[in-house]
Structure formats: structure tokens, C-alpha cells
Amino acid sequence: MKLTEIVVQKAISPTLGVRTRDEVIGALMDLLVEAGEVSTDDRDDFVKAVIKRDNRGSTGFGNGVAVPHLKQASVKKVIVAIANVSDGIDFNALDGNPVHSIFLLLSPEDQPELHLEAMEAVFGSLSQETFRRFLRQATTVKEIVTLLKDADSRQLST
């Protein structure tokens, strides 16, 4: 699965100005609503469900990244929103450090294999220090999209 197939370009914020985990989840969900990928009616329920899931076990995986995620029946395809938070936020990350790059992943509940494929695609890139550094340094949507395309091409060649 390619990142460029699941990341919603209209739901990328290279410089999101939020201060908390809950704010970033809400802001990313708002971007997905504005992009037409999540209905306004589902927005609040999805935010609550993502936060509830994150409270059970942090999705702040260390190295300055977090991947909050949700499997939901009303989601029809895998979608991802991305944000960078320059000051970093407390995501209760495993390494105790602030999170600067967040990938919000929504998947259809009845297709767990797609959720796993998407997680593999996201983590395959986020596990690379160079990818994380360039992502954090990106200041435009175009720079992030170019980075995603580069990651997809590297994934195919490995």
C-alpha cells in the first residue's frame, strides 16, 4: 500500500498550531471533514473514539511521531491526515519525548487487513530517521507530498 494512496492531500497541515493531543486529533479530523472524507455528523464521535483508543494505550511511538488510529464501520476506505506541530505536544509517547509529526489513520472496521497494510506503510516510513527529519522540516503541503512519493518509490524498490 502506498502512502500517496491513503494520505488525503487536503488533510495535510505542515504547521498546525495546537498545544494538546486532543486538539491535534480534533484539528486533523476537521481537515478530513473539510476534505469531504469524514461527514460532519461523524466528526465528534470519531474524535471521541480516537481519544478513547489512545487513552487505552498511547499511539505516541517515540522519535517524535504518533499515529492515532481508528477502525470504524462508517469509514469506507483507509484515509490518513498528517500534521506537524513545531513546538511538539505531549502524546504520552513511549520514549517520554514530545511529538512533532502526527498521522491520523482511519480504516473500515470490516477490513482489518487494510488497516494493517496501512499501518505497515506508515511505520515503514516513520521508522526511518531521514524520513522523520525531512517530514518535520517540511513547511508546505507540496514538500510533504514529495516526501510521501519518495517514500513510496523507496518502498517499491526494497
C-alpha atoms as a PDB file:
ATOM      1  CA  MET A   1       0.000   0.000   0.000  1.00  0.00           C
ATOM      2  CA  LYS A   2       1.345   3.407  -0.952  1.00  0.00           C
ATOM      3  CA  LEU A   3       1.245   6.412   1.343  1.00  0.00           C
ATOM      4  CA  THR A   4       0.150   8.587  -1.568  1.00  0.00           C
ATOM      5  CA  GLU A   5      -2.915   6.356  -1.989  1.00  0.00           C
ATOM      6  CA  ILE A   6      -4.119   6.794   1.578  1.00  0.00           C
ATOM      7  CA  VAL A   7      -2.944  10.262   2.623  1.00  0.00           C
ATOM      8  CA  VAL A   8      -5.568  12.902   1.844  1.00  0.00           C
ATOM      9  CA  GLN A   9      -3.608  15.838   0.406  1.00  0.00           C
ATOM     10  CA  LYS A  10      -6.252  18.326   1.565  1.00  0.00           C
ATOM     11  CA  ALA A  11      -5.782  16.942   5.089  1.00  0.00           C
ATOM     12  CA  ILE A  12      -2.087  17.794   5.449  1.00  0.00           C
ATOM     13  CA  SER A  13      -1.039  20.596   7.778  1.00  0.00           C
ATOM     14  CA  PRO A  14       2.723  21.242   7.791  1.00  0.00           C
ATOM     15  CA  THR A  15       2.449  23.826  10.587  1.00  0.00           C
ATOM     16  CA  LEU A  16      -0.516  23.058  12.823  1.00  0.00           C
ATOM     17  CA  GLY A  17      -0.801  25.407  15.788  1.00  0.00           C
ATOM     18  CA  VAL A  18      -2.162  23.265  18.620  1.00  0.00           C
ATOM     19  CA  ARG A  19      -0.962  22.545  22.141  1.00  0.00           C
ATOM     20  CA  THR A  20      -2.522  19.210  23.167  1.00  0.00           C
ATOM     21  CA  ARG A  21      -3.086  15.706  21.899  1.00  0.00           C
ATOM     22  CA  ASP A  22      -6.856  16.174  21.895  1.00  0.00           C
ATOM     23  CA  GLU A  23      -6.562  19.424  19.926  1.00  0.00           C
ATOM     24  CA  VAL A  24      -4.389  17.823  17.257  1.00  0.00           C
ATOM     25  CA  ILE A  25      -6.798  14.897  16.880  1.00  0.00           C
ATOM     26  CA  GLY A  26      -9.711  17.330  16.537  1.00  0.00           C
ATOM     27  CA  ALA A  27      -7.826  19.525  14.062  1.00  0.00           C
ATOM     28  CA  LEU A  28      -6.837  16.549  11.899  1.00  0.00           C
ATOM     29  CA  MET A  29     -10.427  15.316  11.937  1.00  0.00           C
ATOM     30  CA  ASP A  30     -11.554  18.817  10.893  1.00  0.00           C
ATOM     31  CA  LEU A  31      -9.178  18.631   7.920  1.00  0.00           C
ATOM     32  CA  LEU A  32     -10.730  15.304   6.901  1.00  0.00           C
ATOM     33  CA  VAL A  33     -14.219  16.828   7.210  1.00  0.00           C
ATOM     34  CA  GLU A  34     -13.174  19.845   5.111  1.00  0.00           C
ATOM     35  CA  ALA A  35     -11.704  17.476   2.510  1.00  0.00           C
ATOM     36  CA  GLY A  36     -15.036  15.629   2.303  1.00  0.00           C
ATOM     37  CA  GLU A  37     -13.617  12.368   3.649  1.00  0.00           C
ATOM     38  CA  VAL A  38     -15.448  12.374   7.014  1.00  0.00           C
ATOM     39  CA  SER A  39     -19.021  13.554   7.470  1.00  0.00           C
ATOM     40  CA  THR A  40     -19.735  16.438   9.813  1.00  0.00           C
ATOM     41  CA  ASP A  41     -22.167  14.150  11.655  1.00  0.00           C
ATOM     42  CA  ASP A  42     -19.397  11.621  12.394  1.00  0.00           C
ATOM     43  CA  ARG A  43     -16.714  14.155  13.377  1.00  0.00           C
ATOM     44  CA  ASP A  44     -17.323  14.379  17.141  1.00  0.00           C
ATOM     45  CA  ASP A  45     -17.907  10.644  17.570  1.00  0.00           C
ATOM     46  CA  PHE A  46     -14.707   9.864  15.665  1.00  0.00           C
ATOM     47  CA  VAL A  47     -12.669  12.323  17.757  1.00  0.00           C
ATOM     48  CA  LYS A  48     -14.020  10.791  20.983  1.00  0.00           C
ATOM     49  CA  ALA A  49     -13.307   7.268  19.727  1.00  0.00           C
ATOM     50  CA  VAL A  50      -9.721   8.125  18.711  1.00  0.00           C
ATOM     51  CA  ILE A  51      -9.060   9.754  22.094  1.00  0.00           C
ATOM     52  CA  LYS A  52     -10.621   6.807  23.937  1.00  0.00           C
ATOM     53  CA  ARG A  53      -8.441   4.391  21.966  1.00  0.00           C
ATOM     54  CA  ASP A  54      -5.340   6.486  22.662  1.00  0.00           C
ATOM     55  CA  ASN A  55      -6.150   6.574  26.392  1.00  0.00           C
ATOM     56  CA  ARG A  56      -6.013   2.751  26.439  1.00  0.00           C
ATOM     57  CA  GLY A  57      -2.503   2.782  25.003  1.00  0.00           C
ATOM     58  CA  SER A  58      -0.554   5.707  23.664  1.00  0.00           C
ATOM     59  CA  THR A  59      -0.025   5.929  19.934  1.00  0.00           C
ATOM     60  CA  GLY A  60       2.965   8.194  20.543  1.00  0.00           C
ATOM     61  CA  PHE A  61       5.557   5.681  19.418  1.00  0.00           C
ATOM     62  CA  GLY A  62       8.673   7.686  20.132  1.00  0.00           C
ATOM     63  CA  ASN A  63      11.138   9.536  17.927  1.00  0.00           C
ATOM     64  CA  GLY A  64       8.739  12.486  17.771  1.00  0.00           C
ATOM     65  CA  VAL A  65       5.892  10.689  15.978  1.00  0.00           C
ATOM     66  CA  ALA A  66       2.382   9.499  16.803  1.00  0.00           C
ATOM     67  CA  VAL A  67      -0.129   7.503  14.799  1.00  0.00           C
ATOM     68  CA  PRO A  68      -3.556   7.771  16.424  1.00  0.00           C
ATOM     69  CA  HIS A  69      -5.892   5.416  14.613  1.00  0.00           C
ATOM     70  CA  LEU A  70      -9.440   4.147  14.487  1.00  0.00           C
ATOM     71  CA  LYS A  71     -11.338   1.336  12.804  1.00  0.00           C
ATOM     72  CA  GLN A  72     -14.930   2.470  12.253  1.00  0.00           C
ATOM     73  CA  ALA A  73     -17.894   0.888  10.462  1.00  0.00           C
ATOM     74  CA  SER A  74     -18.873   4.084   8.630  1.00  0.00           C
ATOM     75  CA  VAL A  75     -15.370   4.561   7.179  1.00  0.00           C
ATOM     76  CA  LYS A  76     -15.395   3.210   3.615  1.00  0.00           C
ATOM     77  CA  LYS A  77     -11.677   3.371   2.768  1.00  0.00           C
ATOM     78  CA  VAL A  78      -8.357   3.894   4.514  1.00  0.00           C
ATOM     79  CA  ILE A  79      -7.589   7.603   4.935  1.00  0.00           C
ATOM     80  CA  VAL A  80      -4.752   9.460   6.630  1.00  0.00           C
ATOM     81  CA  ALA A  81      -4.341  13.061   7.729  1.00  0.00           C
ATOM     82  CA  ILE A  82      -0.907  14.446   8.624  1.00  0.00           C
ATOM     83  CA  ALA A  83       0.188  17.341  10.801  1.00  0.00           C
ATOM     84  CA  ASN A  84       3.439  18.778  12.066  1.00  0.00           C
ATOM     85  CA  VAL A  85       3.476  20.645  15.365  1.00  0.00           C
ATOM     86  CA  SER A  86       6.697  22.638  15.595  1.00  0.00           C
ATOM     87  CA  ASP A  87       6.727  23.057  19.384  1.00  0.00           C
ATOM     88  CA  GLY A  88       5.804  19.431  19.960  1.00  0.00           C
ATOM     89  CA  ILE A  89       2.988  18.135  22.128  1.00  0.00           C
ATOM     90  CA  ASP A  90       2.710  15.643  24.946  1.00  0.00           C
ATOM     91  CA  PHE A  91       1.300  12.444  23.440  1.00  0.00           C
ATOM     92  CA  ASN A  92       2.388  10.256  26.351  1.00  0.00           C
ATOM     93  CA  ALA A  93       4.916   8.821  23.906  1.00  0.00           C
ATOM     94  CA  LEU A  94       6.752   5.639  24.777  1.00  0.00           C
ATOM     95  CA  ASP A  95      10.073   7.476  24.948  1.00  0.00           C
ATOM     96  CA  GLY A  96       8.593  10.343  27.009  1.00  0.00           C
ATOM     97  CA  ASN A  97       9.531  12.954  24.385  1.00  0.00           C
ATOM     98  CA  PRO A  98       7.215  15.442  22.658  1.00  0.00           C
ATOM     99  CA  VAL A  99       5.563  14.501  19.379  1.00  0.00           C
ATOM    100  CA  HIS A 100       6.086  16.711  16.333  1.00  0.00           C
ATOM    101  CA  SER A 101       4.579  14.662  13.471  1.00  0.00           C
ATOM    102  CA  ILE A 102       1.163  13.026  13.659  1.00  0.00           C
ATOM    103  CA  PHE A 103      -0.502  10.650  11.198  1.00  0.00           C
ATOM    104  CA  LEU A 104      -4.236  10.163  11.940  1.00  0.00           C
ATOM    105  CA  LEU A 105      -5.344   6.883  10.344  1.00  0.00           C
ATOM    106  CA  LEU A 106      -8.989   5.895   9.831  1.00  0.00           C
ATOM    107  CA  SER A 107      -9.877   2.454   8.453  1.00  0.00           C
ATOM    108  CA  PRO A 108     -13.011   0.447   7.678  1.00  0.00           C
ATOM    109  CA  GLU A 109     -13.880  -1.724  10.659  1.00  0.00           C
ATOM    110  CA  ASP A 110     -14.726  -4.733   8.497  1.00  0.00           C
ATOM    111  CA  GLN A 111     -11.379  -4.760   6.662  1.00  0.00           C
ATOM    112  CA  PRO A 112      -8.687  -5.301   9.319  1.00  0.00           C
ATOM    113  CA  GLU A 113      -6.166  -6.405   6.686  1.00  0.00           C
ATOM    114  CA  LEU A 114      -6.327  -2.944   5.083  1.00  0.00           C
ATOM    115  CA  HIS A 115      -5.735  -1.353   8.476  1.00  0.00           C
ATOM    116  CA  LEU A 116      -2.632  -3.494   8.970  1.00  0.00           C
ATOM    117  CA  GLU A 117      -1.335  -2.726   5.474  1.00  0.00           C
ATOM    118  CA  ALA A 118      -1.797   0.994   6.116  1.00  0.00           C
ATOM    119  CA  MET A 119      -0.035   0.772   9.477  1.00  0.00           C
ATOM    120  CA  GLU A 120       2.862  -1.062   7.791  1.00  0.00           C
ATOM    121  CA  ALA A 121       3.122   1.635   5.115  1.00  0.00           C
ATOM    122  CA  VAL A 122       3.071   4.423   7.701  1.00  0.00           C
ATOM    123  CA  PHE A 123       5.508   2.760  10.086  1.00  0.00           C
ATOM    124  CA  GLY A 124       7.791   1.666   7.270  1.00  0.00           C
ATOM    125  CA  SER A 125       8.444   5.340   6.573  1.00  0.00           C
ATOM    126  CA  LEU A 126       8.257   6.684  10.123  1.00  0.00           C
ATOM    127  CA  SER A 127      10.841   4.139  11.265  1.00  0.00           C
ATOM    128  CA  GLN A 128      13.408   5.855   9.033  1.00  0.00           C
ATOM    129  CA  GLU A 129      15.226   8.737  10.712  1.00  0.00           C
ATOM    130  CA  THR A 130      15.734  10.577   7.414  1.00  0.00           C
ATOM    131  CA  PHE A 131      12.006  10.470   6.620  1.00  0.00           C
ATOM    132  CA  ARG A 132      11.100  11.764  10.094  1.00  0.00           C
ATOM    133  CA  ARG A 133      13.643  14.588   9.846  1.00  0.00           C
ATOM    134  CA  PHE A 134      12.505  15.729   6.386  1.00  0.00           C
ATOM    135  CA  LEU A 135       8.855  15.472   7.436  1.00  0.00           C
ATOM    136  CA  ARG A 136       9.451  17.639  10.478  1.00  0.00           C
ATOM    137  CA  GLN A 137      11.365  20.195   8.387  1.00  0.00           C
ATOM    138  CA  ALA A 138       8.645  20.419   5.724  1.00  0.00           C
ATOM    139  CA  THR A 139       6.854  23.760   5.637  1.00  0.00           C
ATOM    140  CA  THR A 140       4.470  23.178   2.712  1.00  0.00           C
ATOM    141  CA  VAL A 141       1.967  20.532   1.663  1.00  0.00           C
ATOM    142  CA  LYS A 142       3.931  20.138  -1.578  1.00  0.00           C
ATOM    143  CA  GLU A 143       7.109  19.246   0.356  1.00  0.00           C
ATOM    144  CA  ILE A 144       5.233  16.605   2.356  1.00  0.00           C
ATOM    145  CA  VAL A 145       3.603  15.136  -0.759  1.00  0.00           C
ATOM    146  CA  THR A 146       7.020  14.941  -2.451  1.00  0.00           C
ATOM    147  CA  LEU A 147       8.396  13.174   0.634  1.00  0.00           C
ATOM    148  CA  LEU A 148       5.492  10.692   0.547  1.00  0.00           C
ATOM    149  CA  LYS A 149       6.119   9.990  -3.150  1.00  0.00           C
ATOM    150  CA  ASP A 150       9.816   9.427  -2.452  1.00  0.00           C
ATOM    151  CA  ALA A 151       8.941   7.052   0.392  1.00  0.00           C
ATOM    152  CA  ASP A 152       6.575   5.114  -1.871  1.00  0.00           C
ATOM    153  CA  SER A 153       9.232   4.727  -4.565  1.00  0.00           C
ATOM    154  CA  ARG A 154      11.788   3.511  -1.994  1.00  0.00           C
ATOM    155  CA  GLN A 155       9.249   1.064  -0.600  1.00  0.00           C
ATOM    156  CA  LEU A 156       8.772  -0.460  -4.063  1.00  0.00           C
ATOM    157  CA  SER A 157      12.497  -0.875  -4.594  1.00  0.00           C
ATOM    158  CA  THR A 158      13.148  -2.736  -1.348  1.00  0.00           C
END
